[in-house]
Amino acid sequence: GYYPDYYFITAEEIDLSLRVLDEGFEIIYFPDI
């Protein structure tokens, strides 16, 4: 799903990151991007 609209501003990244990890996908920090 997308970002929860009702947050308006802030914390949406935390919400989506939890769901992405829960679906078995990875979040990776790349210093070269």
Full PDB file with SEQRES, HELIX, SHEET, SSBOND, CRYST1, ORIGX, SCALE, CONECT and MASTER records, all heavy atoms in Angstrom:
SEQRES   1 A   33  GLY TYR TYR PRO ASP TYR TYR PHE ILE THR ALA GLU GLU          
SEQRES   2 A   33  ILE ASP LEU SER LEU ARG VAL LEU ASP GLU GLY PHE GLU          
SEQRES   3 A   33  ILE ILE TYR PHE PRO ASP ILE                                  
HELIX    1 AA1 ASP A    5  TYR A    7  5                                   3    
HELIX    2 AA2 GLU A   12  ASP A   22  1                                  11    
CRYST1    1.000    1.000    1.000  90.00  90.00  90.00 P 1           1          
ORIGX1      1.000000  0.000000  0.000000        0.00000                         
ORIGX2      0.000000  1.000000  0.000000        0.00000                         
ORIGX3      0.000000  0.000000  1.000000        0.00000                         
SCALE1      1.000000  0.000000  0.000000        0.00000                         
SCALE2      0.000000  1.000000  0.000000        0.00000                         
SCALE3      0.000000  0.000000  1.000000        0.00000                         
ATOM      1  N   GLY A   1       0.835  -1.188   0.000  1.00  0.00           N  
ATOM      2  CA  GLY A   1       0.000   0.000   0.000  1.00  0.00           C  
ATOM      3  C   GLY A   1       0.871   1.239   0.000  1.00  0.00           C  
ATOM      4  O   GLY A   1       2.100   1.158   0.138  1.00  0.00           O  
ATOM      5  N   TYR A   2       0.242   2.395  -0.167  1.00  0.00           N  
ATOM      6  CA  TYR A   2       0.973   3.665  -0.239  1.00  0.00           C  
ATOM      7  C   TYR A   2       1.089   4.289   1.151  1.00  0.00           C  
ATOM      8  O   TYR A   2       0.828   3.643   2.170  1.00  0.00           O  
ATOM      9  CB  TYR A   2       0.261   4.608  -1.217  1.00  0.00           C  
ATOM     10  CG  TYR A   2       0.417   4.187  -2.666  1.00  0.00           C  
ATOM     11  CD1 TYR A   2      -0.351   3.143  -3.196  1.00  0.00           C  
ATOM     12  CD2 TYR A   2       1.336   4.809  -3.506  1.00  0.00           C  
ATOM     13  CE1 TYR A   2      -0.212   2.751  -4.520  1.00  0.00           C  
ATOM     14  CE2 TYR A   2       1.482   4.425  -4.832  1.00  0.00           C  
ATOM     15  CZ  TYR A   2       0.705   3.389  -5.333  1.00  0.00           C  
ATOM     16  OH  TYR A   2       0.863   3.003  -6.634  1.00  0.00           O  
ATOM     17  N   TYR A   3       1.504   5.550   1.194  1.00  0.00           N  
ATOM     18  CA  TYR A   3       1.594   6.253   2.467  1.00  0.00           C  
ATOM     19  C   TYR A   3       0.195   6.553   3.015  1.00  0.00           C  
ATOM     20  O   TYR A   3      -0.703   6.898   2.236  1.00  0.00           O  
ATOM     21  CB  TYR A   3       2.351   7.569   2.292  1.00  0.00           C  
ATOM     22  CG  TYR A   3       3.829   7.424   2.023  1.00  0.00           C  
ATOM     23  CD1 TYR A   3       4.395   7.878   0.836  1.00  0.00           C  
ATOM     24  CD2 TYR A   3       4.662   6.854   2.975  1.00  0.00           C  
ATOM     25  CE1 TYR A   3       5.749   7.755   0.590  1.00  0.00           C  
ATOM     26  CE2 TYR A   3       6.026   6.726   2.733  1.00  0.00           C  
ATOM     27  CZ  TYR A   3       6.566   7.179   1.542  1.00  0.00           C  
ATOM     28  OH  TYR A   3       7.913   7.054   1.314  1.00  0.00           O  
ATOM     29  N   PRO A   4      -0.007   6.466   4.330  1.00  0.00           N  
ATOM     30  CA  PRO A   4      -1.311   6.839   4.904  1.00  0.00           C  
ATOM     31  C   PRO A   4      -1.535   8.346   4.771  1.00  0.00           C  
ATOM     32  O   PRO A   4      -0.807   9.138   5.361  1.00  0.00           O  
ATOM     33  CB  PRO A   4      -1.191   6.427   6.379  1.00  0.00           C  
ATOM     34  CG  PRO A   4      -0.019   5.493   6.445  1.00  0.00           C  
ATOM     35  CD  PRO A   4       0.907   5.942   5.361  1.00  0.00           C  
ATOM     36  N   ASP A   5      -2.529   8.743   4.000  1.00  0.00           N  
ATOM     37  CA  ASP A   5      -2.776  10.164   3.757  1.00  0.00           C  
ATOM     38  C   ASP A   5      -3.036  10.950   5.032  1.00  0.00           C  
ATOM     39  O   ASP A   5      -2.699  12.133   5.130  1.00  0.00           O  
ATOM     40  CB  ASP A   5      -3.981  10.342   2.824  1.00  0.00           C  
ATOM     41  CG  ASP A   5      -3.669   9.961   1.386  1.00  0.00           C  
ATOM     42  OD1 ASP A   5      -2.475   9.793   1.061  1.00  0.00           O  
ATOM     43  OD2 ASP A   5      -4.609   9.822   0.592  1.00  0.00           O  
ATOM     44  N   TYR A   6      -3.648  10.316   6.012  1.00  0.00           N  
ATOM     45  CA  TYR A   6      -4.092  11.049   7.196  1.00  0.00           C  
ATOM     46  C   TYR A   6      -2.945  11.503   8.103  1.00  0.00           C  
ATOM     47  O   TYR A   6      -3.170  12.259   9.040  1.00  0.00           O  
ATOM     48  CB  TYR A   6      -5.111  10.220   7.998  1.00  0.00           C  
ATOM     49  CG  TYR A   6      -4.721   8.784   8.263  1.00  0.00           C  
ATOM     50  CD1 TYR A   6      -3.877   8.443   9.320  1.00  0.00           C  
ATOM     51  CD2 TYR A   6      -5.223   7.769   7.464  1.00  0.00           C  
ATOM     52  CE1 TYR A   6      -3.539   7.126   9.562  1.00  0.00           C  
ATOM     53  CE2 TYR A   6      -4.891   6.443   7.705  1.00  0.00           C  
ATOM     54  CZ  TYR A   6      -4.056   6.119   8.752  1.00  0.00           C  
ATOM     55  OH  TYR A   6      -3.713   4.809   8.989  1.00  0.00           O  
ATOM     56  N   TYR A   7      -1.719  11.065   7.825  1.00  0.00           N  
ATOM     57  CA  TYR A   7      -0.582  11.573   8.597  1.00  0.00           C  
ATOM     58  C   TYR A   7      -0.303  13.046   8.240  1.00  0.00           C  
ATOM     59  O   TYR A   7       0.247  13.775   9.038  1.00  0.00           O  
ATOM     60  CB  TYR A   7       0.670  10.753   8.314  1.00  0.00           C  
ATOM     61  CG  TYR A   7       0.726   9.403   8.993  1.00  0.00           C  
ATOM     62  CD1 TYR A   7      -0.362   8.871   9.668  1.00  0.00           C  
ATOM     63  CD2 TYR A   7       1.891   8.636   8.947  1.00  0.00           C  
ATOM     64  CE1 TYR A   7      -0.289   7.624  10.279  1.00  0.00           C  
ATOM     65  CE2 TYR A   7       1.968   7.399   9.558  1.00  0.00           C  
ATOM     66  CZ  TYR A   7       0.875   6.894  10.218  1.00  0.00           C  
ATOM     67  OH  TYR A   7       0.945   5.668  10.825  1.00  0.00           O  
ATOM     68  N   PHE A   8      -0.608  13.431   7.022  1.00  0.00           N  
ATOM     69  CA  PHE A   8      -0.420  14.791   6.484  1.00  0.00           C  
ATOM     70  C   PHE A   8       1.058  15.117   6.262  1.00  0.00           C  
ATOM     71  O   PHE A   8       1.501  15.364   5.156  1.00  0.00           O  
ATOM     72  CB  PHE A   8      -1.074  15.851   7.385  1.00  0.00           C  
ATOM     73  CG  PHE A   8      -1.144  17.211   6.747  1.00  0.00           C  
ATOM     74  CD1 PHE A   8      -2.037  17.456   5.719  1.00  0.00           C  
ATOM     75  CD2 PHE A   8      -0.322  18.246   7.158  1.00  0.00           C  
ATOM     76  CE1 PHE A   8      -2.113  18.704   5.106  1.00  0.00           C  
ATOM     77  CE2 PHE A   8      -0.383  19.502   6.556  1.00  0.00           C  
ATOM     78  CZ  PHE A   8      -1.283  19.725   5.530  1.00  0.00           C  
ATOM     79  N   ILE A   9       1.845  15.153   7.343  1.00  0.00           N  
ATOM     80  CA  ILE A   9       3.294  15.378   7.262  1.00  0.00           C  
ATOM     81  C   ILE A   9       3.950  14.577   8.390  1.00  0.00           C  
ATOM     82  O   ILE A   9       3.433  14.527   9.487  1.00  0.00           O  
ATOM     83  CB  ILE A   9       3.676  16.864   7.464  1.00  0.00           C  
ATOM     84  CG1 ILE A   9       3.037  17.756   6.414  1.00  0.00           C  
ATOM     85  CG2 ILE A   9       5.184  17.054   7.424  1.00  0.00           C  
ATOM     86  CD1 ILE A   9       3.250  19.240   6.677  1.00  0.00           C  
ATOM     87  N   THR A  10       5.076  13.979   8.101  1.00  0.00           N  
ATOM     88  CA  THR A  10       5.980  13.282   9.032  1.00  0.00           C  
ATOM     89  C   THR A  10       5.495  11.901   9.474  1.00  0.00           C  
ATOM     90  O   THR A  10       4.295  11.650   9.567  1.00  0.00           O  
ATOM     91  CB  THR A  10       6.319  14.101  10.309  1.00  0.00           C  
ATOM     92  OG1 THR A  10       5.238  14.040  11.220  1.00  0.00           O  
ATOM     93  CG2 THR A  10       6.658  15.520   9.970  1.00  0.00           C  
ATOM     94  N   ALA A  11       6.465  11.022   9.722  1.00  0.00           N  
ATOM     95  CA  ALA A  11       6.291   9.639  10.196  1.00  0.00           C  
ATOM     96  C   ALA A  11       5.823   8.677   9.109  1.00  0.00           C  
ATOM     97  O   ALA A  11       5.770   7.468   9.340  1.00  0.00           O  
ATOM     98  CB  ALA A  11       5.361   9.558  11.401  1.00  0.00           C  
ATOM     99  N   GLU A  12       5.511   9.201   7.916  1.00  0.00           N  
ATOM    100  CA  GLU A  12       5.053   8.309   6.852  1.00  0.00           C  
ATOM    101  C   GLU A  12       6.159   7.357   6.406  1.00  0.00           C  
ATOM    102  O   GLU A  12       5.894   6.213   6.013  1.00  0.00           O  
ATOM    103  CB  GLU A  12       4.522   9.111   5.664  1.00  0.00           C  
ATOM    104  CG  GLU A  12       5.556   9.762   4.769  1.00  0.00           C  
ATOM    105  CD  GLU A  12       6.048  11.114   5.272  1.00  0.00           C  
ATOM    106  OE1 GLU A  12       5.700  11.494   6.400  1.00  0.00           O  
ATOM    107  OE2 GLU A  12       6.792  11.777   4.523  1.00  0.00           O  
ATOM    108  N   GLU A  13       7.427   7.811   6.481  1.00  0.00           N  
ATOM    109  CA  GLU A  13       8.542   6.947   6.080  1.00  0.00           C  
ATOM    110  C   GLU A  13       8.662   5.755   7.017  1.00  0.00           C  
ATOM    111  O   GLU A  13       8.926   4.631   6.580  1.00  0.00           O  
ATOM    112  CB  GLU A  13       9.861   7.719   6.079  1.00  0.00           C  
ATOM    113  CG  GLU A  13       9.847   9.005   5.279  1.00  0.00           C  
ATOM    114  CD  GLU A  13       9.643  10.212   6.176  1.00  0.00           C  
ATOM    115  OE1 GLU A  13       8.901  10.088   7.187  1.00  0.00           O  
ATOM    116  OE2 GLU A  13      10.219  11.267   5.874  1.00  0.00           O  
ATOM    117  N   ILE A  14       8.502   6.003   8.320  1.00  0.00           N  
ATOM    118  CA  ILE A  14       8.589   4.918   9.289  1.00  0.00           C  
ATOM    119  C   ILE A  14       7.480   3.906   9.040  1.00  0.00           C  
ATOM    120  O   ILE A  14       7.703   2.696   9.051  1.00  0.00           O  
ATOM    121  CB  ILE A  14       8.502   5.478  10.723  1.00  0.00           C  
ATOM    122  CG1 ILE A  14       9.681   6.415  10.988  1.00  0.00           C  
ATOM    123  CG2 ILE A  14       8.477   4.341  11.748  1.00  0.00           C  
ATOM    124  CD1 ILE A  14       9.609   7.152  12.312  1.00  0.00           C  
ATOM    125  N   ASP A  15       6.285   4.402   8.792  1.00  0.00           N  
ATOM    126  CA  ASP A  15       5.141   3.533   8.531  1.00  0.00           C  
ATOM    127  C   ASP A  15       5.397   2.632   7.326  1.00  0.00           C  
ATOM    128  O   ASP A  15       5.223   1.406   7.390  1.00  0.00           O  
ATOM    129  CB  ASP A  15       3.896   4.394   8.310  1.00  0.00           C  
ATOM    130  CG  ASP A  15       2.617   3.586   8.225  1.00  0.00           C  
ATOM    131  OD1 ASP A  15       2.467   2.815   7.260  1.00  0.00           O  
ATOM    132  OD2 ASP A  15       1.758   3.728   9.114  1.00  0.00           O  
ATOM    133  N   LEU A  16       5.823   3.226   6.215  1.00  0.00           N  
ATOM    134  CA  LEU A  16       6.037   2.428   5.010  1.00  0.00           C  
ATOM    135  C   LEU A  16       7.232   1.494   5.160  1.00  0.00           C  
ATOM    136  O   LEU A  16       7.195   0.347   4.699  1.00  0.00           O  
ATOM    137  CB  LEU A  16       6.228   3.320   3.783  1.00  0.00           C  
ATOM    138  CG  LEU A  16       6.401   2.585   2.455  1.00  0.00           C  
ATOM    139  CD1 LEU A  16       5.205   1.678   2.162  1.00  0.00           C  
ATOM    140  CD2 LEU A  16       6.607   3.565   1.303  1.00  0.00           C  
ATOM    141  N   SER A  17       8.281   1.941   5.817  1.00  0.00           N  
ATOM    142  CA  SER A  17       9.459   1.085   5.972  1.00  0.00           C  
ATOM    143  C   SER A  17       9.119  -0.182   6.755  1.00  0.00           C  
ATOM    144  O   SER A  17       9.587  -1.279   6.415  1.00  0.00           O  
ATOM    145  CB  SER A  17      10.604   1.847   6.658  1.00  0.00           C  
ATOM    146  OG  SER A  17      10.286   2.177   7.989  1.00  0.00           O  
ATOM    147  N   LEU A  18       8.282  -0.064   7.777  1.00  0.00           N  
ATOM    148  CA  LEU A  18       7.865  -1.244   8.536  1.00  0.00           C  
ATOM    149  C   LEU A  18       7.103  -2.222   7.654  1.00  0.00           C  
ATOM    150  O   LEU A  18       7.297  -3.442   7.728  1.00  0.00           O  
ATOM    151  CB  LEU A  18       6.996  -0.814   9.720  1.00  0.00           C  
ATOM    152  CG  LEU A  18       7.690  -0.019  10.829  1.00  0.00           C  
ATOM    153  CD1 LEU A  18       6.670   0.490  11.838  1.00  0.00           C  
ATOM    154  CD2 LEU A  18       8.740  -0.857  11.529  1.00  0.00           C  
ATOM    155  N   ARG A  19       6.241  -1.704   6.804  1.00  0.00           N  
ATOM    156  CA  ARG A  19       5.449  -2.574   5.935  1.00  0.00           C  
ATOM    157  C   ARG A  19       6.302  -3.225   4.853  1.00  0.00           C  
ATOM    158  O   ARG A  19       6.084  -4.375   4.468  1.00  0.00           O  
ATOM    159  CB  ARG A  19       4.302  -1.770   5.311  1.00  0.00           C  
ATOM    160  CG  ARG A  19       3.221  -1.418   6.326  1.00  0.00           C  
ATOM    161  CD  ARG A  19       2.090  -0.624   5.699  1.00  0.00           C  
ATOM    162  NE  ARG A  19       2.405   0.784   5.546  1.00  0.00           N  
ATOM    163  CZ  ARG A  19       2.196   1.491   4.451  1.00  0.00           C  
ATOM    164  NH1 ARG A  19       1.692   0.913   3.374  1.00  0.00           N  
ATOM    165  NH2 ARG A  19       2.487   2.780   4.419  1.00  0.00           N  
ATOM    166  N   VAL A  20       7.289  -2.472   4.350  1.00  0.00           N  
ATOM    167  CA  VAL A  20       8.195  -3.022   3.335  1.00  0.00           C  
ATOM    168  C   VAL A  20       8.998  -4.181   3.919  1.00  0.00           C  
ATOM    169  O   VAL A  20       9.121  -5.249   3.304  1.00  0.00           O  
ATOM    170  CB  VAL A  20       9.137  -1.914   2.814  1.00  0.00           C  
ATOM    171  CG1 VAL A  20      10.304  -2.503   2.026  1.00  0.00           C  
ATOM    172  CG2 VAL A  20       8.363  -0.943   1.930  1.00  0.00           C  
ATOM    173  N   LEU A  21       9.545  -3.986   5.113  1.00  0.00           N  
ATOM    174  CA  LEU A  21      10.305  -5.055   5.761  1.00  0.00           C  
ATOM    175  C   LEU A  21       9.409  -6.246   6.082  1.00  0.00           C  
ATOM    176  O   LEU A  21       9.831  -7.398   5.973  1.00  0.00           O  
ATOM    177  CB  LEU A  21      10.962  -4.519   7.041  1.00  0.00           C  
ATOM    178  CG  LEU A  21      12.053  -3.459   6.840  1.00  0.00           C  
ATOM    179  CD1 LEU A  21      12.483  -2.871   8.178  1.00  0.00           C  
ATOM    180  CD2 LEU A  21      13.254  -4.042   6.107  1.00  0.00           C  
ATOM    181  N   ASP A  22       8.168  -5.976   6.469  1.00  0.00           N  
ATOM    182  CA  ASP A  22       7.244  -7.047   6.825  1.00  0.00           C  
ATOM    183  C   ASP A  22       6.877  -7.904   5.618  1.00  0.00           C  
ATOM    184  O   ASP A  22       6.521  -9.075   5.770  1.00  0.00           O  
ATOM    185  CB  ASP A  22       5.979  -6.447   7.446  1.00  0.00           C  
ATOM    186  CG  ASP A  22       5.206  -7.445   8.286  1.00  0.00           C  
ATOM    187  OD1 ASP A  22       5.828  -8.108   9.145  1.00  0.00           O  
ATOM    188  OD2 ASP A  22       3.984  -7.564   8.098  1.00  0.00           O  
ATOM    189  N   GLU A  23       6.969  -7.332   4.425  1.00  0.00           N  
ATOM    190  CA  GLU A  23       6.690  -8.077   3.199  1.00  0.00           C  
ATOM    191  C   GLU A  23       7.919  -8.824   2.683  1.00  0.00           C  
ATOM    192  O   GLU A  23       7.862  -9.470   1.636  1.00  0.00           O  
ATOM    193  CB  GLU A  23       6.170  -7.128   2.111  1.00  0.00           C  
ATOM    194  CG  GLU A  23       4.764  -6.601   2.366  1.00  0.00           C  
ATOM    195  CD  GLU A  23       3.687  -7.654   2.188  1.00  0.00           C  
ATOM    196  OE1 GLU A  23       3.987  -8.733   1.614  1.00  0.00           O  
ATOM    197  OE2 GLU A  23       2.544  -7.423   2.621  1.00  0.00           O  
ATOM    198  N   GLY A  24       9.025  -8.742   3.418  1.00  0.00           N  
ATOM    199  CA  GLY A  24      10.223  -9.481   3.036  1.00  0.00           C  
ATOM    200  C   GLY A  24      11.166  -8.754   2.106  1.00  0.00           C  
ATOM    201  O   GLY A  24      12.121  -9.354   1.588  1.00  0.00           O  
ATOM    202  N   PHE A  25      10.932  -7.463   1.887  1.00  0.00           N  
ATOM    203  CA  PHE A  25      11.837  -6.677   1.046  1.00  0.00           C  
ATOM    204  C   PHE A  25      12.891  -5.982   1.900  1.00  0.00           C  
ATOM    205  O   PHE A  25      12.776  -5.911   3.129  1.00  0.00           O  
ATOM    206  CB  PHE A  25      11.044  -5.649   0.236  1.00  0.00           C  
ATOM    207  CG  PHE A  25      10.176  -6.262  -0.821  1.00  0.00           C  
ATOM    208  CD1 PHE A  25       8.827  -6.499  -0.591  1.00  0.00           C  
ATOM    209  CD2 PHE A  25      10.718  -6.631  -2.046  1.00  0.00           C  
ATOM    210  CE1 PHE A  25       8.018  -7.074  -1.552  1.00  0.00           C  
ATOM    211  CE2 PHE A  25       9.926  -7.210  -3.023  1.00  0.00           C  
ATOM    212  CZ  PHE A  25       8.577  -7.435  -2.779  1.00  0.00           C  
ATOM    213  N   GLU A  26      13.897  -5.466   1.244  1.00  0.00           N  
ATOM    214  CA  GLU A  26      15.028  -4.851   1.948  1.00  0.00           C  
ATOM    215  C   GLU A  26      15.063  -3.339   1.725  1.00  0.00           C  
ATOM    216  O   GLU A  26      14.658  -2.848   0.670  1.00  0.00           O  
ATOM    217  CB  GLU A  26      16.344  -5.461   1.444  1.00  0.00           C  
ATOM    218  CG  GLU A  26      16.449  -6.953   1.688  1.00  0.00           C  
ATOM    219  CD  GLU A  26      17.563  -7.614   0.893  1.00  0.00           C  
ATOM    220  OE1 GLU A  26      18.119  -6.967  -0.027  1.00  0.00           O  
ATOM    221  OE2 GLU A  26      17.870  -8.788   1.183  1.00  0.00           O  
ATOM    222  N   ILE A  27      15.546  -2.646   2.735  1.00  0.00           N  
ATOM    223  CA  ILE A  27      15.855  -1.219   2.630  1.00  0.00           C  
ATOM    224  C   ILE A  27      17.359  -1.098   2.825  1.00  0.00           C  
ATOM    225  O   ILE A  27      17.894  -1.568   3.837  1.00  0.00           O  
ATOM    226  CB  ILE A  27      15.113  -0.400   3.710  1.00  0.00           C  
ATOM    227  CG1 ILE A  27      13.604  -0.637   3.628  1.00  0.00           C  
ATOM    228  CG2 ILE A  27      15.426   1.083   3.556  1.00  0.00           C  
ATOM    229  CD1 ILE A  27      12.830  -0.039   4.784  1.00  0.00           C  
ATOM    230  N   ILE A  28      18.028  -0.507   1.860  1.00  0.00           N  
ATOM    231  CA  ILE A  28      19.492  -0.447   1.920  1.00  0.00           C  
ATOM    232  C   ILE A  28      19.977   0.984   1.727  1.00  0.00           C  
ATOM    233  O   ILE A  28      19.492   1.706   0.840  1.00  0.00           O  
ATOM    234  CB  ILE A  28      20.132  -1.359   0.854  1.00  0.00           C  
ATOM    235  CG1 ILE A  28      19.684  -2.813   1.064  1.00  0.00           C  
ATOM    236  CG2 ILE A  28      21.653  -1.265   0.897  1.00  0.00           C  
ATOM    237  CD1 ILE A  28      20.241  -3.792   0.035  1.00  0.00           C  
ATOM    238  N   TYR A  29      20.918   1.364   2.574  1.00  0.00           N  
ATOM    239  CA  TYR A  29      21.582   2.656   2.441  1.00  0.00           C  
ATOM    240  C   TYR A  29      22.782   2.482   1.519  1.00  0.00           C  
ATOM    241  O   TYR A  29      23.628   1.601   1.734  1.00  0.00           O  
ATOM    242  CB  TYR A  29      22.048   3.149   3.807  1.00  0.00           C  
ATOM    243  CG  TYR A  29      23.010   4.321   3.741  1.00  0.00           C  
ATOM    244  CD1 TYR A  29      22.544   5.620   3.562  1.00  0.00           C  
ATOM    245  CD2 TYR A  29      24.383   4.123   3.865  1.00  0.00           C  
ATOM    246  CE1 TYR A  29      23.419   6.693   3.498  1.00  0.00           C  
ATOM    247  CE2 TYR A  29      25.271   5.188   3.797  1.00  0.00           C  
ATOM    248  CZ  TYR A  29      24.788   6.470   3.617  1.00  0.00           C  
ATOM    249  OH  TYR A  29      25.661   7.525   3.551  1.00  0.00           O  
ATOM    250  N   PHE A  30      22.835   3.325   0.475  1.00  0.00           N  
ATOM    251  CA  PHE A  30      23.948   3.290  -0.472  1.00  0.00           C  
ATOM    252  C   PHE A  30      24.664   4.640  -0.460  1.00  0.00           C  
ATOM    253  O   PHE A  30      24.069   5.662  -0.845  1.00  0.00           O  
ATOM    254  CB  PHE A  30      23.455   2.998  -1.889  1.00  0.00           C  
ATOM    255  CG  PHE A  30      22.957   1.597  -2.090  1.00  0.00           C  
ATOM    256  CD1 PHE A  30      21.600   1.337  -2.221  1.00  0.00           C  
ATOM    257  CD2 PHE A  30      23.845   0.536  -2.148  1.00  0.00           C  
ATOM    258  CE1 PHE A  30      21.134   0.043  -2.411  1.00  0.00           C  
ATOM    259  CE2 PHE A  30      23.386  -0.768  -2.344  1.00  0.00           C  
ATOM    260  CZ  PHE A  30      22.026  -1.018  -2.471  1.00  0.00           C  
ATOM    261  N   PRO A  31      25.927   4.680  -0.037  1.00  0.00           N  
ATOM    262  CA  PRO A  31      26.651   5.950   0.020  1.00  0.00           C  
ATOM    263  C   PRO A  31      26.991   6.532  -1.347  1.00  0.00           C  
ATOM    264  O   PRO A  31      27.319   7.720  -1.459  1.00  0.00           O  
ATOM    265  CB  PRO A  31      27.930   5.585   0.789  1.00  0.00           C  
ATOM    266  CG  PRO A  31      28.136   4.136   0.515  1.00  0.00           C  
ATOM    267  CD  PRO A  31      26.743   3.556   0.435  1.00  0.00           C  
ATOM    268  N   ASP A  32      26.898   5.700  -2.405  1.00  0.00           N  
ATOM    269  CA  ASP A  32      27.263   6.175  -3.740  1.00  0.00           C  
ATOM    270  C   ASP A  32      26.072   6.740  -4.514  1.00  0.00           C  
ATOM    271  O   ASP A  32      26.236   7.194  -5.649  1.00  0.00           O  
ATOM    272  CB  ASP A  32      27.946   5.066  -4.547  1.00  0.00           C  
ATOM    273  CG  ASP A  32      27.089   3.813  -4.678  1.00  0.00           C  
ATOM    274  OD1 ASP A  32      26.226   3.588  -3.815  1.00  0.00           O  
ATOM    275  OD2 ASP A  32      27.302   3.056  -5.643  1.00  0.00           O  
ATOM    276  N   ILE A  33      24.883   6.722  -3.931  1.00  0.00           N  
ATOM    277  CA  ILE A  33      23.735   7.386  -4.549  1.00  0.00           C  
ATOM    278  C   ILE A  33      23.552   8.697  -3.801  1.00  0.00           C  
ATOM    279  O   ILE A  33      22.976   8.750  -2.717  1.00  0.00           O  
ATOM    280  CB  ILE A  33      22.469   6.510  -4.492  1.00  0.00           C  
ATOM    281  CG1 ILE A  33      22.729   5.203  -5.253  1.00  0.00           C  
ATOM    282  CG2 ILE A  33      21.278   7.253  -5.091  1.00  0.00           C  
ATOM    283  CD1 ILE A  33      21.572   4.242  -5.235  1.00  0.00           C  
TER     284      ILE A  33                                                      
MASTER        0    0    0    2    0    0    0    6  283    1    0    3          
END                                                                             
